[in-house]
Amino acid sequence: MRSDHGTIPFKELSQLIDAISPILLTETLKMLEADALLERKMDPQIPPKMEYYTLTALSESLVPPLMTLYNWDNAPKPAIKAARERSESHLRDQESADPKFRSTGEP
């Protein structure tokens, strides 16, 4: 996730979000612009050669809660992994203690 919220060219944005087709990205950017979440700027040349996108004040207000969610998503992963490993270890112990025990936890 970019830490600076400056202006970004369409080409760079397209490379950052490579899991989306250019057509779908263009449509999504148009919707975000219509909702006042992005501002589109064009090169002052005629014809314009580059499109740039900038967050609006409205979308900037979303950055802190989204960063909190992003940070939370990355923080508990070790705890979740450890809990999953404990659970799997417990199931293995039960299976080895009782050969009739299935991984469903039922005898």
N, C-alpha and C. Protein backbone atom coordinates (compact mmCIF):
# COMPACT_ATOMS: atom_id res chain seq x y z
N MET A 1 0.85 -1.17 0.00
CA MET A 1 0.00 0.00 0.00
C MET A 1 0.90 1.24 0.00
N ARG A 2 0.58 2.17 -0.87
CA ARG A 2 1.38 3.40 -0.94
C ARG A 2 1.21 4.22 0.33
N SER A 3 2.30 4.75 0.83
CA SER A 3 2.19 5.57 2.03
C SER A 3 1.97 7.04 1.69
N ASP A 4 2.38 7.46 0.49
CA ASP A 4 2.10 8.84 0.10
C ASP A 4 0.79 8.85 -0.68
N HIS A 5 0.07 9.92 -0.53
CA HIS A 5 -1.25 9.99 -1.16
C HIS A 5 -1.23 11.03 -2.26
N GLY A 6 -0.15 11.08 -3.01
CA GLY A 6 -0.03 12.07 -4.07
C GLY A 6 -0.73 11.63 -5.34
N THR A 7 -0.37 12.30 -6.40
CA THR A 7 -0.93 12.03 -7.71
C THR A 7 -0.20 10.85 -8.33
N ILE A 8 -0.97 9.98 -8.98
CA ILE A 8 -0.38 8.79 -9.57
C ILE A 8 -0.89 8.65 -11.01
N PRO A 9 0.02 8.38 -11.95
CA PRO A 9 -0.40 8.19 -13.33
C PRO A 9 -1.19 6.89 -13.50
N PHE A 10 -2.09 6.89 -14.46
CA PHE A 10 -2.91 5.71 -14.74
C PHE A 10 -2.02 4.48 -14.97
N LYS A 11 -0.95 4.65 -15.74
CA LYS A 11 -0.08 3.51 -16.06
C LYS A 11 0.51 2.89 -14.80
N GLU A 12 0.97 3.73 -13.88
CA GLU A 12 1.53 3.22 -12.62
C GLU A 12 0.45 2.56 -11.78
N LEU A 13 -0.72 3.16 -11.75
CA LEU A 13 -1.85 2.58 -11.01
C LEU A 13 -2.20 1.21 -11.58
N SER A 14 -2.21 1.11 -12.89
CA SER A 14 -2.50 -0.15 -13.57
C SER A 14 -1.47 -1.22 -13.21
N GLN A 15 -0.22 -0.82 -13.09
CA GLN A 15 0.84 -1.78 -12.72
C GLN A 15 0.74 -2.20 -11.26
N LEU A 16 0.32 -1.28 -10.39
CA LEU A 16 0.17 -1.60 -8.97
C LEU A 16 -0.99 -2.56 -8.75
N ILE A 17 -2.02 -2.45 -9.59
CA ILE A 17 -3.21 -3.29 -9.45
C ILE A 17 -3.27 -4.18 -10.68
N ASP A 18 -2.35 -5.12 -10.79
CA ASP A 18 -2.24 -5.92 -12.01
C ASP A 18 -3.27 -7.04 -12.10
N ALA A 19 -4.06 -7.25 -11.06
CA ALA A 19 -5.04 -8.33 -11.07
C ALA A 19 -6.37 -7.88 -11.68
N ILE A 20 -6.39 -6.71 -12.30
CA ILE A 20 -7.62 -6.17 -12.88
C ILE A 20 -7.33 -5.74 -14.31
N SER A 21 -8.27 -5.95 -15.19
CA SER A 21 -8.08 -5.57 -16.59
C SER A 21 -8.11 -4.04 -16.70
N PRO A 22 -7.44 -3.50 -17.71
CA PRO A 22 -7.46 -2.04 -17.89
C PRO A 22 -8.88 -1.49 -18.07
N ILE A 23 -9.74 -2.25 -18.73
CA ILE A 23 -11.12 -1.79 -18.93
C ILE A 23 -11.85 -1.70 -17.60
N LEU A 24 -11.73 -2.74 -16.77
CA LEU A 24 -12.39 -2.74 -15.47
C LEU A 24 -11.80 -1.67 -14.56
N LEU A 25 -10.48 -1.48 -14.63
CA LEU A 25 -9.85 -0.43 -13.83
C LEU A 25 -10.38 0.94 -14.25
N THR A 26 -10.49 1.18 -15.54
CA THR A 26 -11.01 2.46 -16.04
C THR A 26 -12.43 2.70 -15.55
N GLU A 27 -13.27 1.67 -15.64
CA GLU A 27 -14.66 1.81 -15.18
C GLU A 27 -14.73 2.07 -13.67
N THR A 28 -13.89 1.38 -12.92
CA THR A 28 -13.86 1.57 -11.47
C THR A 28 -13.39 2.98 -11.12
N LEU A 29 -12.37 3.46 -11.81
CA LEU A 29 -11.88 4.81 -11.57
C LEU A 29 -12.95 5.85 -11.90
N LYS A 30 -13.71 5.62 -12.96
CA LYS A 30 -14.80 6.54 -13.32
C LYS A 30 -15.85 6.58 -12.21
N MET A 31 -16.18 5.41 -11.65
CA MET A 31 -17.17 5.38 -10.56
C MET A 31 -16.63 6.10 -9.32
N LEU A 32 -15.36 5.89 -9.00
CA LEU A 32 -14.76 6.56 -7.85
C LEU A 32 -14.71 8.07 -8.07
N GLU A 33 -14.47 8.48 -9.30
CA GLU A 33 -14.47 9.91 -9.62
C GLU A 33 -15.89 10.47 -9.49
N ALA A 34 -16.88 9.74 -9.98
CA ALA A 34 -18.28 10.18 -9.87
C ALA A 34 -18.72 10.30 -8.41
N ASP A 35 -18.16 9.46 -7.54
CA ASP A 35 -18.50 9.48 -6.11
C ASP A 35 -17.64 10.47 -5.33
N ALA A 36 -16.82 11.25 -6.03
CA ALA A 36 -15.95 12.28 -5.43
C ALA A 36 -14.87 11.68 -4.53
N LEU A 37 -14.46 10.44 -4.85
CA LEU A 37 -13.38 9.82 -4.09
C LEU A 37 -12.03 9.96 -4.80
N LEU A 38 -12.06 10.23 -6.10
CA LEU A 38 -10.85 10.46 -6.88
C LEU A 38 -11.05 11.69 -7.74
N GLU A 39 -9.94 12.35 -8.02
CA GLU A 39 -9.95 13.46 -8.97
C GLU A 39 -9.03 13.05 -10.12
N ARG A 40 -9.54 13.19 -11.33
CA ARG A 40 -8.75 12.84 -12.52
C ARG A 40 -8.20 14.12 -13.12
N LYS A 41 -6.92 14.07 -13.43
CA LYS A 41 -6.26 15.21 -14.06
C LYS A 41 -5.63 14.73 -15.37
N MET A 42 -5.63 15.60 -16.33
CA MET A 42 -5.04 15.29 -17.63
C MET A 42 -3.85 16.20 -17.86
N ASP A 43 -2.89 15.71 -18.68
CA ASP A 43 -1.79 16.58 -19.10
C ASP A 43 -2.37 17.80 -19.79
N PRO A 44 -1.76 18.95 -19.61
CA PRO A 44 -2.30 20.15 -20.25
C PRO A 44 -2.03 20.20 -21.75
N GLN A 45 -1.44 19.17 -22.32
CA GLN A 45 -1.16 19.13 -23.76
C GLN A 45 -2.42 18.80 -24.54
N ILE A 46 -2.39 19.11 -25.81
CA ILE A 46 -3.48 18.70 -26.69
C ILE A 46 -2.86 17.89 -27.81
N PRO A 47 -3.24 16.64 -27.98
CA PRO A 47 -4.14 15.89 -27.12
C PRO A 47 -3.43 15.48 -25.82
N PRO A 48 -4.19 15.28 -24.75
CA PRO A 48 -3.57 14.86 -23.48
C PRO A 48 -2.90 13.50 -23.64
N LYS A 49 -1.72 13.38 -23.08
CA LYS A 49 -0.97 12.12 -23.19
C LYS A 49 -1.06 11.28 -21.93
N MET A 50 -1.31 11.91 -20.80
CA MET A 50 -1.30 11.18 -19.53
C MET A 50 -2.51 11.55 -18.69
N GLU A 51 -3.03 10.52 -17.98
CA GLU A 51 -4.07 10.74 -16.99
C GLU A 51 -3.43 10.53 -15.63
N TYR A 52 -3.82 11.35 -14.68
CA TYR A 52 -3.33 11.23 -13.32
C TYR A 52 -4.53 11.17 -12.38
N TYR A 53 -4.38 10.46 -11.28
CA TYR A 53 -5.44 10.36 -10.30
C TYR A 53 -4.92 10.79 -8.93
N THR A 54 -5.77 11.50 -8.22
CA THR A 54 -5.45 12.01 -6.88
C THR A 54 -6.63 11.73 -5.96
N LEU A 55 -6.33 11.41 -4.71
CA LEU A 55 -7.39 11.26 -3.73
C LEU A 55 -8.00 12.62 -3.42
N THR A 56 -9.29 12.64 -3.19
CA THR A 56 -9.97 13.87 -2.77
C THR A 56 -9.92 13.95 -1.24
N ALA A 57 -10.38 15.07 -0.70
CA ALA A 57 -10.44 15.22 0.76
C ALA A 57 -11.34 14.14 1.38
N LEU A 58 -12.42 13.82 0.67
CA LEU A 58 -13.32 12.79 1.17
C LEU A 58 -12.61 11.43 1.27
N SER A 59 -11.89 11.06 0.23
CA SER A 59 -11.20 9.76 0.27
C SER A 59 -10.00 9.79 1.22
N GLU A 60 -9.37 10.96 1.36
CA GLU A 60 -8.27 11.08 2.33
C GLU A 60 -8.76 10.78 3.74
N SER A 61 -10.03 11.12 4.02
CA SER A 61 -10.58 10.86 5.35
C SER A 61 -10.75 9.36 5.60
N LEU A 62 -10.74 8.57 4.54
CA LEU A 62 -10.84 7.11 4.68
C LEU A 62 -9.48 6.44 4.96
N VAL A 63 -8.40 7.16 4.71
CA VAL A 63 -7.08 6.55 4.85
C VAL A 63 -6.81 6.06 6.27
N PRO A 64 -7.02 6.86 7.33
CA PRO A 64 -6.72 6.34 8.68
C PRO A 64 -7.49 5.07 9.04
N PRO A 65 -8.83 5.00 8.84
CA PRO A 65 -9.49 3.74 9.21
C PRO A 65 -9.06 2.56 8.32
N LEU A 66 -8.78 2.83 7.04
CA LEU A 66 -8.33 1.74 6.16
C LEU A 66 -6.93 1.26 6.56
N MET A 67 -6.06 2.19 6.96
CA MET A 67 -4.72 1.78 7.42
C MET A 67 -4.81 0.98 8.71
N THR A 68 -5.75 1.34 9.58
CA THR A 68 -5.96 0.57 10.81
C THR A 68 -6.37 -0.86 10.47
N LEU A 69 -7.30 -1.00 9.55
CA LEU A 69 -7.73 -2.33 9.11
C LEU A 69 -6.59 -3.09 8.44
N TYR A 70 -5.84 -2.42 7.60
CA TYR A 70 -4.68 -3.02 6.93
C TYR A 70 -3.66 -3.52 7.96
N ASN A 71 -3.35 -2.68 8.93
CA ASN A 71 -2.39 -3.05 9.97
C ASN A 71 -2.91 -4.20 10.83
N TRP A 72 -4.20 -4.18 11.15
CA TRP A 72 -4.78 -5.28 11.94
C TRP A 72 -4.69 -6.58 11.16
N ASP A 73 -4.97 -6.54 9.87
CA ASP A 73 -4.93 -7.74 9.04
C ASP A 73 -3.54 -8.36 9.06
N ASN A 74 -2.52 -7.56 9.14
CA ASN A 74 -1.15 -8.08 9.13
C ASN A 74 -0.64 -8.45 10.52
N ALA A 75 -1.21 -7.87 11.55
CA ALA A 75 -0.71 -8.10 12.90
C ALA A 75 -1.06 -9.46 13.48
N PRO A 76 -2.34 -9.91 13.42
CA PRO A 76 -2.67 -11.13 14.14
C PRO A 76 -2.32 -12.42 13.41
N LYS A 77 -1.75 -12.35 12.25
CA LYS A 77 -1.46 -13.57 11.50
C LYS A 77 -0.59 -14.56 12.29
N PRO A 78 0.46 -14.12 12.96
CA PRO A 78 1.24 -15.09 13.75
C PRO A 78 0.39 -15.74 14.85
N ALA A 79 -0.49 -14.97 15.49
CA ALA A 79 -1.34 -15.53 16.54
C ALA A 79 -2.32 -16.54 15.97
N ILE A 80 -2.88 -16.23 14.81
CA ILE A 80 -3.81 -17.16 14.16
C ILE A 80 -3.08 -18.43 13.75
N LYS A 81 -1.87 -18.28 13.20
CA LYS A 81 -1.08 -19.44 12.79
C LYS A 81 -0.75 -20.32 13.99
N ALA A 82 -0.36 -19.70 15.10
CA ALA A 82 -0.03 -20.46 16.30
C ALA A 82 -1.25 -21.21 16.82
N ALA A 83 -2.42 -20.55 16.82
CA ALA A 83 -3.65 -21.21 17.29
C ALA A 83 -4.01 -22.37 16.39
N ARG A 84 -3.86 -22.20 15.09
CA ARG A 84 -4.16 -23.27 14.14
C ARG A 84 -3.21 -24.47 14.36
N GLU A 85 -1.94 -24.18 14.59
CA GLU A 85 -0.96 -25.25 14.83
C GLU A 85 -1.28 -26.01 16.11
N ARG A 86 -1.70 -25.27 17.17
CA ARG A 86 -2.07 -25.94 18.42
C ARG A 86 -3.28 -26.85 18.20
N SER A 87 -4.25 -26.36 17.46
CA SER A 87 -5.45 -27.15 17.18
C SER A 87 -5.11 -28.41 16.39
N GLU A 88 -4.30 -28.25 15.35
CA GLU A 88 -3.91 -29.41 14.54
C GLU A 88 -3.09 -30.40 15.35
N SER A 89 -2.22 -29.90 16.23
CA SER A 89 -1.42 -30.78 17.09
C SER A 89 -2.33 -31.55 18.05
N HIS A 90 -3.33 -30.87 18.59
CA HIS A 90 -4.28 -31.51 19.50
C HIS A 90 -5.03 -32.63 18.76
N LEU A 91 -5.47 -32.36 17.54
CA LEU A 91 -6.17 -33.38 16.75
C LEU A 91 -5.27 -34.57 16.45
N ARG A 92 -4.01 -34.30 16.13
CA ARG A 92 -3.06 -35.40 15.87
C ARG A 92 -2.86 -36.25 17.12
N ASP A 93 -2.77 -35.59 18.28
CA ASP A 93 -2.61 -36.32 19.54
C ASP A 93 -3.82 -37.21 19.80
N GLN A 94 -5.01 -36.69 19.56
CA GLN A 94 -6.22 -37.49 19.76
C GLN A 94 -6.28 -38.67 18.79
N GLU A 95 -5.88 -38.43 17.53
CA GLU A 95 -5.89 -39.51 16.54
C GLU A 95 -4.90 -40.60 16.90
N SER A 96 -3.74 -40.22 17.41
CA SER A 96 -2.74 -41.24 17.75
C SER A 96 -3.13 -41.99 19.03
N ALA A 97 -3.86 -41.34 19.94
CA ALA A 97 -4.29 -42.00 21.17
C ALA A 97 -5.44 -42.97 20.92
N ASP A 98 -6.30 -42.68 19.95
CA ASP A 98 -7.45 -43.52 19.65
C ASP A 98 -7.53 -43.73 18.14
N PRO A 99 -7.13 -44.89 17.64
CA PRO A 99 -7.12 -45.13 16.20
C PRO A 99 -8.49 -44.98 15.56
N LYS A 100 -9.56 -45.11 16.33
CA LYS A 100 -10.90 -44.98 15.78
C LYS A 100 -11.31 -43.50 15.62
N PHE A 101 -10.54 -42.65 16.26
CA PHE A 101 -10.86 -41.23 16.21
C PHE A 101 -10.62 -40.70 14.80
N ARG A 102 -11.62 -40.05 14.26
CA ARG A 102 -11.49 -39.43 12.94
C ARG A 102 -11.20 -37.95 13.10
N SER A 103 -10.71 -37.32 12.06
CA SER A 103 -10.36 -35.91 12.12
C SER A 103 -11.56 -35.01 12.36
N THR A 104 -12.77 -35.58 12.32
CA THR A 104 -13.97 -34.79 12.63
C THR A 104 -14.12 -34.59 14.12
N GLY A 105 -13.32 -35.32 14.90
CA GLY A 105 -13.39 -35.19 16.35
C GLY A 105 -14.37 -36.15 16.98
N GLU A 106 -14.93 -37.06 16.19
CA GLU A 106 -15.88 -38.04 16.70
C GLU A 106 -15.24 -39.41 16.74
N PRO A 107 -15.55 -40.19 17.79
CA PRO A 107 -14.98 -41.56 17.86
C PRO A 107 -15.61 -42.48 16.83
